[in-house]
Every structure is written in C-alpha cells, then in structure tokens.
Amino acid sequence: MADVIQFPKRPETQTLHFDEKHAFGEIGGLMLSLVQERAKDDAPFTLVLLGGNDGFFPLESFEPTPEGFEFAKIAGEIALRTLAVGHDNWAE
C-alpha cells in the first residue's frame, strides 16, 4: 500500500482595513501613522511605519481609549523625531 503524504496547509490570508487616525509625517520615504482597524472601535490604536522593505511595519499598539490615543500620539511624535535624527545621520 502506498504512503499518503500530507502537504502542509497554506496559512489563510486575511485582509485588514485600517482608518488613519493621525498622520505624523514622512521622513526619507518612510511615513509614520496611527491607525485603527476599520469599523472596530474596540480595536487597539497601532503606530505603524509605512514604506521601506516591509511596506507596513507595526511599531506599537495602544488601548482603544482616549488616554491610549493620547499616549499613541506622544509616542508617535517621539518616534518621528527619532527617525528624523537617524535619517540625518544616515543621509550624510
């Protein structure tokens, strides 16, 4: 009797849609943005970096509360300044 070889199942591809809650700006072709999954007010706010090799790179998530939104904005401003300093050093 022949052996049956099970092929691994492909992982499901899931498409998520996000609403941009705050755009921080662009540095050297990378854009920093705060997003939340569309139509899900209980989904966390996520600070993402757009561009580069990965295209979409989540940096950090924050609670879906007004306080979480404010913390995310503060963290985004800090991250943008850090990117700006790094870009200035890399561009030289």
N, C-alpha and C. Protein backbone atom coordinates (compact mmCIF):
# COMPACT_ATOMS: atom_id res chain seq x y z
N MET A 1 0.84 -1.18 0.00
CA MET A 1 0.00 0.00 0.00
C MET A 1 0.89 1.25 0.00
N ALA A 2 0.50 2.25 -0.74
CA ALA A 2 1.29 3.47 -0.86
C ALA A 2 1.11 4.36 0.37
N ASP A 3 2.18 5.08 0.71
CA ASP A 3 2.11 6.05 1.80
C ASP A 3 1.41 7.31 1.31
N VAL A 4 0.60 7.88 2.15
CA VAL A 4 -0.07 9.14 1.84
C VAL A 4 0.74 10.25 2.50
N ILE A 5 1.18 11.17 1.69
CA ILE A 5 1.95 12.30 2.21
C ILE A 5 1.03 13.50 2.30
N GLN A 6 0.90 14.02 3.51
CA GLN A 6 0.07 15.20 3.72
C GLN A 6 0.88 16.45 3.43
N PHE A 7 0.37 17.27 2.54
CA PHE A 7 1.02 18.55 2.28
C PHE A 7 0.59 19.54 3.34
N PRO A 8 1.49 20.41 3.75
CA PRO A 8 1.09 21.41 4.76
C PRO A 8 0.03 22.34 4.20
N LYS A 9 -0.89 22.70 5.05
CA LYS A 9 -1.94 23.62 4.62
C LYS A 9 -1.36 25.02 4.53
N ARG A 10 -1.82 25.74 3.56
CA ARG A 10 -1.39 27.13 3.43
C ARG A 10 -2.08 27.96 4.50
N PRO A 11 -1.34 28.90 5.05
CA PRO A 11 -2.00 29.79 6.03
C PRO A 11 -3.01 30.67 5.31
N GLU A 12 -4.07 30.94 6.01
CA GLU A 12 -5.09 31.80 5.42
C GLU A 12 -4.57 33.23 5.31
N THR A 13 -4.94 33.86 4.23
CA THR A 13 -4.60 35.26 4.07
C THR A 13 -5.78 36.08 4.54
N GLN A 14 -5.50 36.99 5.43
CA GLN A 14 -6.56 37.83 5.98
C GLN A 14 -6.25 39.28 5.60
N THR A 15 -7.23 39.93 5.03
CA THR A 15 -7.06 41.33 4.66
C THR A 15 -7.73 42.20 5.70
N LEU A 16 -6.95 43.10 6.27
CA LEU A 16 -7.47 44.03 7.25
C LEU A 16 -7.49 45.43 6.64
N HIS A 17 -8.50 46.18 6.98
CA HIS A 17 -8.61 47.56 6.51
C HIS A 17 -8.49 48.48 7.73
N PHE A 18 -7.74 49.54 7.55
CA PHE A 18 -7.48 50.46 8.64
C PHE A 18 -7.94 51.86 8.29
N ASP A 19 -8.31 52.59 9.31
CA ASP A 19 -8.57 54.02 9.18
C ASP A 19 -7.40 54.74 9.82
N GLU A 20 -6.89 55.73 9.11
CA GLU A 20 -5.80 56.52 9.66
C GLU A 20 -6.39 57.51 10.66
N LYS A 21 -5.90 57.45 11.89
CA LYS A 21 -6.39 58.33 12.94
C LYS A 21 -5.52 59.57 13.09
N HIS A 22 -4.23 59.44 12.72
CA HIS A 22 -3.33 60.59 12.81
C HIS A 22 -2.12 60.31 11.93
N ALA A 23 -1.81 61.25 11.06
CA ALA A 23 -0.59 61.15 10.23
C ALA A 23 0.48 62.02 10.87
N PHE A 24 1.63 61.43 11.17
CA PHE A 24 2.70 62.17 11.83
C PHE A 24 3.61 62.86 10.83
N GLY A 25 3.82 62.24 9.69
CA GLY A 25 4.68 62.83 8.68
C GLY A 25 5.54 61.79 8.00
N GLU A 26 6.41 62.28 7.11
CA GLU A 26 7.26 61.41 6.32
C GLU A 26 8.71 61.83 6.47
N ILE A 27 9.56 60.84 6.63
CA ILE A 27 11.00 61.06 6.75
C ILE A 27 11.69 60.08 5.81
N GLY A 28 12.41 60.59 4.83
CA GLY A 28 13.20 59.73 3.95
C GLY A 28 12.44 58.60 3.29
N GLY A 29 11.22 58.85 2.87
CA GLY A 29 10.41 57.81 2.21
C GLY A 29 9.66 56.91 3.16
N LEU A 30 9.80 57.10 4.46
CA LEU A 30 9.05 56.34 5.45
C LEU A 30 7.98 57.24 6.04
N MET A 31 6.77 56.74 6.14
CA MET A 31 5.68 57.51 6.70
C MET A 31 5.24 56.89 8.02
N LEU A 32 5.07 57.72 9.02
CA LEU A 32 4.63 57.26 10.34
C LEU A 32 3.17 57.65 10.52
N SER A 33 2.36 56.67 10.92
CA SER A 33 0.92 56.92 11.03
C SER A 33 0.34 56.14 12.20
N LEU A 34 -0.76 56.66 12.71
CA LEU A 34 -1.53 55.98 13.77
C LEU A 34 -2.82 55.49 13.13
N VAL A 35 -3.06 54.18 13.22
CA VAL A 35 -4.22 53.59 12.56
C VAL A 35 -5.03 52.77 13.55
N GLN A 36 -6.27 52.47 13.13
CA GLN A 36 -7.15 51.58 13.88
C GLN A 36 -7.94 50.78 12.87
N GLU A 37 -8.17 49.51 13.18
CA GLU A 37 -8.91 48.67 12.25
C GLU A 37 -10.28 49.28 11.98
N ARG A 38 -10.64 49.33 10.70
CA ARG A 38 -11.87 49.98 10.26
C ARG A 38 -13.09 49.33 10.90
N ALA A 39 -13.99 50.18 11.35
CA ALA A 39 -15.29 49.78 11.91
C ALA A 39 -15.16 48.95 13.19
N LYS A 40 -14.05 49.07 13.88
CA LYS A 40 -13.86 48.35 15.14
C LYS A 40 -13.33 49.33 16.18
N ASP A 41 -14.25 50.00 16.84
CA ASP A 41 -13.86 50.99 17.85
C ASP A 41 -13.16 50.38 19.05
N ASP A 42 -13.30 49.05 19.23
CA ASP A 42 -12.63 48.39 20.36
C ASP A 42 -11.27 47.82 19.97
N ALA A 43 -10.86 48.02 18.70
CA ALA A 43 -9.54 47.56 18.25
C ALA A 43 -8.48 48.54 18.74
N PRO A 44 -7.29 48.04 19.04
CA PRO A 44 -6.24 48.95 19.54
C PRO A 44 -5.79 49.94 18.47
N PHE A 45 -5.29 51.07 18.93
CA PHE A 45 -4.62 52.01 18.04
C PHE A 45 -3.23 51.44 17.80
N THR A 46 -2.77 51.49 16.56
CA THR A 46 -1.46 50.93 16.24
C THR A 46 -0.62 51.97 15.53
N LEU A 47 0.58 52.16 16.04
CA LEU A 47 1.55 53.05 15.42
C LEU A 47 2.28 52.24 14.37
N VAL A 48 2.21 52.67 13.10
CA VAL A 48 2.82 51.91 12.02
C VAL A 48 3.77 52.77 11.21
N LEU A 49 4.76 52.10 10.66
CA LEU A 49 5.71 52.72 9.75
C LEU A 49 5.41 52.17 8.37
N LEU A 50 5.15 53.04 7.42
CA LEU A 50 4.81 52.65 6.06
C LEU A 50 5.98 52.96 5.13
N GLY A 51 6.29 52.02 4.24
CA GLY A 51 7.39 52.19 3.31
C GLY A 51 8.52 51.26 3.66
N GLY A 52 9.64 51.42 2.99
CA GLY A 52 10.79 50.57 3.27
C GLY A 52 10.59 49.17 2.72
N ASN A 53 11.37 48.21 3.22
CA ASN A 53 11.33 46.84 2.73
C ASN A 53 10.05 46.11 3.08
N ASP A 54 9.51 46.35 4.27
CA ASP A 54 8.34 45.62 4.73
C ASP A 54 7.03 46.23 4.23
N GLY A 55 7.04 47.49 3.91
CA GLY A 55 5.83 48.15 3.44
C GLY A 55 4.93 48.60 4.58
N PHE A 56 4.65 47.73 5.52
CA PHE A 56 3.76 48.03 6.64
C PHE A 56 4.37 47.37 7.88
N PHE A 57 4.90 48.19 8.78
CA PHE A 57 5.58 47.66 9.95
C PHE A 57 4.95 48.22 11.22
N PRO A 58 4.17 47.40 11.95
CA PRO A 58 3.58 47.87 13.20
C PRO A 58 4.67 48.05 14.26
N LEU A 59 4.67 49.22 14.90
CA LEU A 59 5.67 49.51 15.93
C LEU A 59 5.17 49.23 17.34
N GLU A 60 3.94 49.67 17.62
CA GLU A 60 3.41 49.53 18.99
C GLU A 60 1.89 49.68 18.93
N SER A 61 1.21 49.03 19.87
CA SER A 61 -0.24 49.13 19.98
C SER A 61 -0.61 49.81 21.29
N PHE A 62 -1.74 50.49 21.27
CA PHE A 62 -2.21 51.23 22.44
C PHE A 62 -3.69 50.93 22.66
N GLU A 63 -4.11 51.04 23.90
CA GLU A 63 -5.50 50.78 24.26
C GLU A 63 -6.45 51.68 23.47
N PRO A 64 -7.62 51.15 23.11
CA PRO A 64 -8.59 51.95 22.34
C PRO A 64 -9.42 52.87 23.24
N THR A 65 -8.73 53.71 23.96
CA THR A 65 -9.37 54.68 24.86
C THR A 65 -8.85 56.07 24.52
N PRO A 66 -9.51 57.11 25.00
CA PRO A 66 -8.97 58.45 24.77
C PRO A 66 -7.54 58.61 25.31
N GLU A 67 -7.26 58.00 26.46
CA GLU A 67 -5.92 58.07 27.03
C GLU A 67 -4.92 57.32 26.14
N GLY A 68 -5.34 56.15 25.64
CA GLY A 68 -4.48 55.38 24.73
C GLY A 68 -4.17 56.15 23.46
N PHE A 69 -5.16 56.87 22.96
CA PHE A 69 -4.96 57.69 21.77
C PHE A 69 -3.94 58.79 22.04
N GLU A 70 -4.04 59.43 23.19
CA GLU A 70 -3.09 60.49 23.54
C GLU A 70 -1.68 59.93 23.73
N PHE A 71 -1.56 58.77 24.39
CA PHE A 71 -0.26 58.14 24.56
C PHE A 71 0.34 57.77 23.20
N ALA A 72 -0.50 57.28 22.30
CA ALA A 72 -0.04 56.91 20.96
C ALA A 72 0.48 58.13 20.20
N LYS A 73 -0.21 59.26 20.34
CA LYS A 73 0.24 60.48 19.67
C LYS A 73 1.58 60.95 20.22
N ILE A 74 1.76 60.86 21.53
CA ILE A 74 3.04 61.25 22.15
C ILE A 74 4.15 60.32 21.66
N ALA A 75 3.88 59.03 21.67
CA ALA A 75 4.88 58.05 21.21
C ALA A 75 5.21 58.28 19.74
N GLY A 76 4.20 58.61 18.93
CA GLY A 76 4.43 58.88 17.51
C GLY A 76 5.30 60.09 17.29
N GLU A 77 5.07 61.14 18.06
CA GLU A 77 5.90 62.34 17.93
C GLU A 77 7.35 62.04 18.29
N ILE A 78 7.55 61.25 19.33
CA ILE A 78 8.91 60.86 19.74
C ILE A 78 9.55 60.01 18.64
N ALA A 79 8.79 59.05 18.11
CA ALA A 79 9.32 58.17 17.06
C ALA A 79 9.68 58.97 15.81
N LEU A 80 8.85 59.94 15.46
CA LEU A 80 9.13 60.76 14.27
C LEU A 80 10.42 61.55 14.46
N ARG A 81 10.61 62.12 15.64
CA ARG A 81 11.85 62.86 15.91
C ARG A 81 13.06 61.93 15.85
N THR A 82 12.90 60.73 16.36
CA THR A 82 13.98 59.75 16.33
C THR A 82 14.32 59.38 14.89
N LEU A 83 13.30 59.15 14.07
CA LEU A 83 13.52 58.87 12.66
C LEU A 83 14.23 60.01 11.95
N ALA A 84 13.86 61.23 12.29
CA ALA A 84 14.47 62.40 11.66
C ALA A 84 15.96 62.48 11.99
N VAL A 85 16.32 62.25 13.25
CA VAL A 85 17.72 62.27 13.64
C VAL A 85 18.49 61.14 12.95
N GLY A 86 17.88 59.95 12.94
CA GLY A 86 18.53 58.81 12.27
C GLY A 86 18.72 59.07 10.79
N HIS A 87 17.71 59.64 10.15
CA HIS A 87 17.79 59.91 8.70
C HIS A 87 18.88 60.93 8.42
N ASP A 88 18.96 61.97 9.24
CA ASP A 88 20.01 62.96 9.04
C ASP A 88 21.40 62.32 9.13
N ASN A 89 21.57 61.40 10.07
CA ASN A 89 22.87 60.74 10.23
C ASN A 89 23.16 59.77 9.09
N TRP A 90 22.12 59.05 8.60
CA TRP A 90 22.33 58.08 7.51
C TRP A 90 22.55 58.78 6.18
N ALA A 91 21.92 59.94 6.01
CA ALA A 91 21.99 60.63 4.73
C ALA A 91 23.34 61.29 4.49
N GLU A 92 24.13 61.47 5.53
CA GLU A 92 25.43 62.14 5.39
C GLU A 92 26.48 61.23 4.84
